Amino acid sequence: MSTTSDSRPRQAGGPFHHWLIERLAGLAGAL
């Protein structure tokens, strides 16, 4: 479930930026 990454355009960050988004989304979902 990566709705935030889909909404925002992919910036020059690479897979690492996407990984951070997934991590933050996972933590937010856990809370």
PDB file of N, CA and C in Angstrom:
ATOM      1  N   MET A   1       0.848  -1.206   0.000  1.00  0.00           N
ATOM      2  CA  MET A   1       0.000   0.000   0.000  1.00  0.00           C
ATOM      3  C   MET A   1       0.882   1.254   0.000  1.00  0.00           C
ATOM      4  N   SER A   2       1.213   1.719  -1.192  1.00  0.00           N
ATOM      5  CA  SER A   2       2.068   2.912  -1.304  1.00  0.00           C
ATOM      6  C   SER A   2       1.313   3.998  -2.054  1.00  0.00           C
ATOM      7  N   THR A   3       0.288   4.549  -1.409  1.00  0.00           N
ATOM      8  CA  THR A   3      -0.551   5.561  -2.055  1.00  0.00           C
ATOM      9  C   THR A   3       0.174   6.897  -2.108  1.00  0.00           C
ATOM     10  N   THR A   4       0.992   7.174  -1.099  1.00  0.00           N
ATOM     11  CA  THR A   4       1.692   8.456  -1.024  1.00  0.00           C
ATOM     12  C   THR A   4       2.693   8.571  -2.174  1.00  0.00           C
ATOM     13  N   SER A   5       3.439   7.474  -2.436  1.00  0.00           N
ATOM     14  CA  SER A   5       4.442   7.500  -3.495  1.00  0.00           C
ATOM     15  C   SER A   5       3.758   7.616  -4.861  1.00  0.00           C
ATOM     16  N   ASP A   6       2.563   7.030  -4.983  1.00  0.00           N
ATOM     17  CA  ASP A   6       1.835   7.100  -6.242  1.00  0.00           C
ATOM     18  C   ASP A   6       1.298   8.504  -6.483  1.00  0.00           C
ATOM     19  N   SER A   7       0.898   9.177  -5.413  1.00  0.00           N
ATOM     20  CA  SER A   7       0.343  10.515  -5.550  1.00  0.00           C
ATOM     21  C   SER A   7       1.436  11.509  -5.930  1.00  0.00           C
ATOM     22  N   ARG A   8       2.565  11.412  -5.240  1.00  0.00           N
ATOM     23  CA  ARG A   8       3.660  12.338  -5.513  1.00  0.00           C
ATOM     24  C   ARG A   8       4.517  11.840  -6.675  1.00  0.00           C
ATOM     25  N   PRO A   9       4.988  12.758  -7.514  1.00  0.00           N
ATOM     26  CA  PRO A   9       5.847  12.393  -8.647  1.00  0.00           C
ATOM     27  C   PRO A   9       7.196  11.883  -8.173  1.00  0.00           C
ATOM     28  N   ARG A  10       7.763  10.929  -8.914  1.00  0.00           N
ATOM     29  CA  ARG A  10       9.056  10.354  -8.525  1.00  0.00           C
ATOM     30  C   ARG A  10      10.174  11.370  -8.726  1.00  0.00           C
ATOM     31  N   GLN A  11      10.784  11.776  -7.625  1.00  0.00           N
ATOM     32  CA  GLN A  11      11.877  12.740  -7.702  1.00  0.00           C
ATOM     33  C   GLN A  11      13.202  12.014  -7.914  1.00  0.00           C
ATOM     34  N   ALA A  12      14.279  12.785  -8.107  1.00  0.00           N
ATOM     35  CA  ALA A  12      15.605  12.201  -8.329  1.00  0.00           C
ATOM     36  C   ALA A  12      16.143  11.639  -7.023  1.00  0.00           C
ATOM     37  N   GLY A  13      15.653  10.469  -6.636  1.00  0.00           N
ATOM     38  CA  GLY A  13      16.108   9.867  -5.385  1.00  0.00           C
ATOM     39  C   GLY A  13      16.498   8.417  -5.597  1.00  0.00           C
ATOM     40  N   GLY A  14      15.843   7.775  -6.572  1.00  0.00           N
ATOM     41  CA  GLY A  14      16.164   6.381  -6.857  1.00  0.00           C
ATOM     42  C   GLY A  14      15.385   5.438  -5.954  1.00  0.00           C
ATOM     43  N   PRO A  15      15.760   4.166  -5.944  1.00  0.00           N
ATOM     44  CA  PRO A  15      15.062   3.156  -5.145  1.00  0.00           C
ATOM     45  C   PRO A  15      15.173   3.432  -3.647  1.00  0.00           C
ATOM     46  N   PHE A  16      16.255   4.124  -3.242  1.00  0.00           N
ATOM     47  CA  PHE A  16      16.450   4.428  -1.829  1.00  0.00           C
ATOM     48  C   PHE A  16      15.337   5.335  -1.327  1.00  0.00           C
ATOM     49  N   HIS A  17      14.976   6.343  -2.139  1.00  0.00           N
ATOM     50  CA  HIS A  17      13.903   7.262  -1.745  1.00  0.00           C
ATOM     51  C   HIS A  17      12.594   6.485  -1.612  1.00  0.00           C
ATOM     52  N   HIS A  18      12.361   5.573  -2.559  1.00  0.00           N
ATOM     53  CA  HIS A  18      11.141   4.770  -2.526  1.00  0.00           C
ATOM     54  C   HIS A  18      11.133   3.890  -1.275  1.00  0.00           C
ATOM     55  N   TRP A  19      12.300   3.377  -0.910  1.00  0.00           N
ATOM     56  CA  TRP A  19      12.418   2.534   0.287  1.00  0.00           C
ATOM     57  C   TRP A  19      12.075   3.333   1.532  1.00  0.00           C
ATOM     58  N   LEU A  20      12.531   4.581   1.575  1.00  0.00           N
ATOM     59  CA  LEU A  20      12.222   5.447   2.715  1.00  0.00           C
ATOM     60  C   LEU A  20      10.723   5.679   2.800  1.00  0.00           C
ATOM     61  N   ILE A  21      10.099   5.916   1.654  1.00  0.00           N
ATOM     62  CA  ILE A  21       8.645   6.140   1.623  1.00  0.00           C
ATOM     63  C   ILE A  21       7.918   4.922   2.167  1.00  0.00           C
ATOM     64  N   GLU A  22       8.349   3.735   1.724  1.00  0.00           N
ATOM     65  CA  GLU A  22       7.717   2.498   2.175  1.00  0.00           C
ATOM     66  C   GLU A  22       7.903   2.314   3.682  1.00  0.00           C
ATOM     67  N   ARG A  23       9.096   2.623   4.170  1.00  0.00           N
ATOM     68  CA  ARG A  23       9.402   2.493   5.599  1.00  0.00           C
ATOM     69  C   ARG A  23       8.523   3.440   6.413  1.00  0.00           C
ATOM     70  N   LEU A  24       8.462   4.694   5.983  1.00  0.00           N
ATOM     71  CA  LEU A  24       7.664   5.694   6.702  1.00  0.00           C
ATOM     72  C   LEU A  24       6.191   5.310   6.681  1.00  0.00           C
ATOM     73  N   ALA A  25       5.730   4.828   5.536  1.00  0.00           N
ATOM     74  CA  ALA A  25       4.332   4.422   5.414  1.00  0.00           C
ATOM     75  C   ALA A  25       4.051   3.237   6.339  1.00  0.00           C
ATOM     76  N   GLY A  26       5.008   2.313   6.423  1.00  0.00           N
ATOM     77  CA  GLY A  26       4.842   1.141   7.288  1.00  0.00           C
ATOM     78  C   GLY A  26       4.787   1.560   8.755  1.00  0.00           C
ATOM     79  N   LEU A  27       5.676   2.460   9.150  1.00  0.00           N
ATOM     80  CA  LEU A  27       5.699   2.927  10.535  1.00  0.00           C
ATOM     81  C   LEU A  27       4.424   3.686  10.856  1.00  0.00           C
ATOM     82  N   ALA A  28       3.979   4.524   9.929  1.00  0.00           N
ATOM     83  CA  ALA A  28       2.761   5.307  10.142  1.00  0.00           C
ATOM     84  C   ALA A  28       1.559   4.362  10.272  1.00  0.00           C
ATOM     85  N   GLY A  29       1.547   3.312   9.457  1.00  0.00           N
ATOM     86  CA  GLY A  29       0.449   2.355   9.508  1.00  0.00           C
ATOM     87  C   GLY A  29       0.456   1.586  10.824  1.00  0.00           C
ATOM     88  N   ALA A  30       1.670   1.296  11.324  1.00  0.00           N
ATOM     89  CA  ALA A  30       1.790   0.555  12.589  1.00  0.00           C
ATOM     90  C   ALA A  30       1.269   1.408  13.748  1.00  0.00           C
ATOM     91  N   LEU A  31       1.542   2.709  13.684  1.00  0.00           N
ATOM     92  CA  LEU A  31       1.080   3.590  14.746  1.00  0.00           C
ATOM     93  C   LEU A  31      -0.435   3.755  14.648  1.00  0.00           C
TER      94      LEU A  31
END
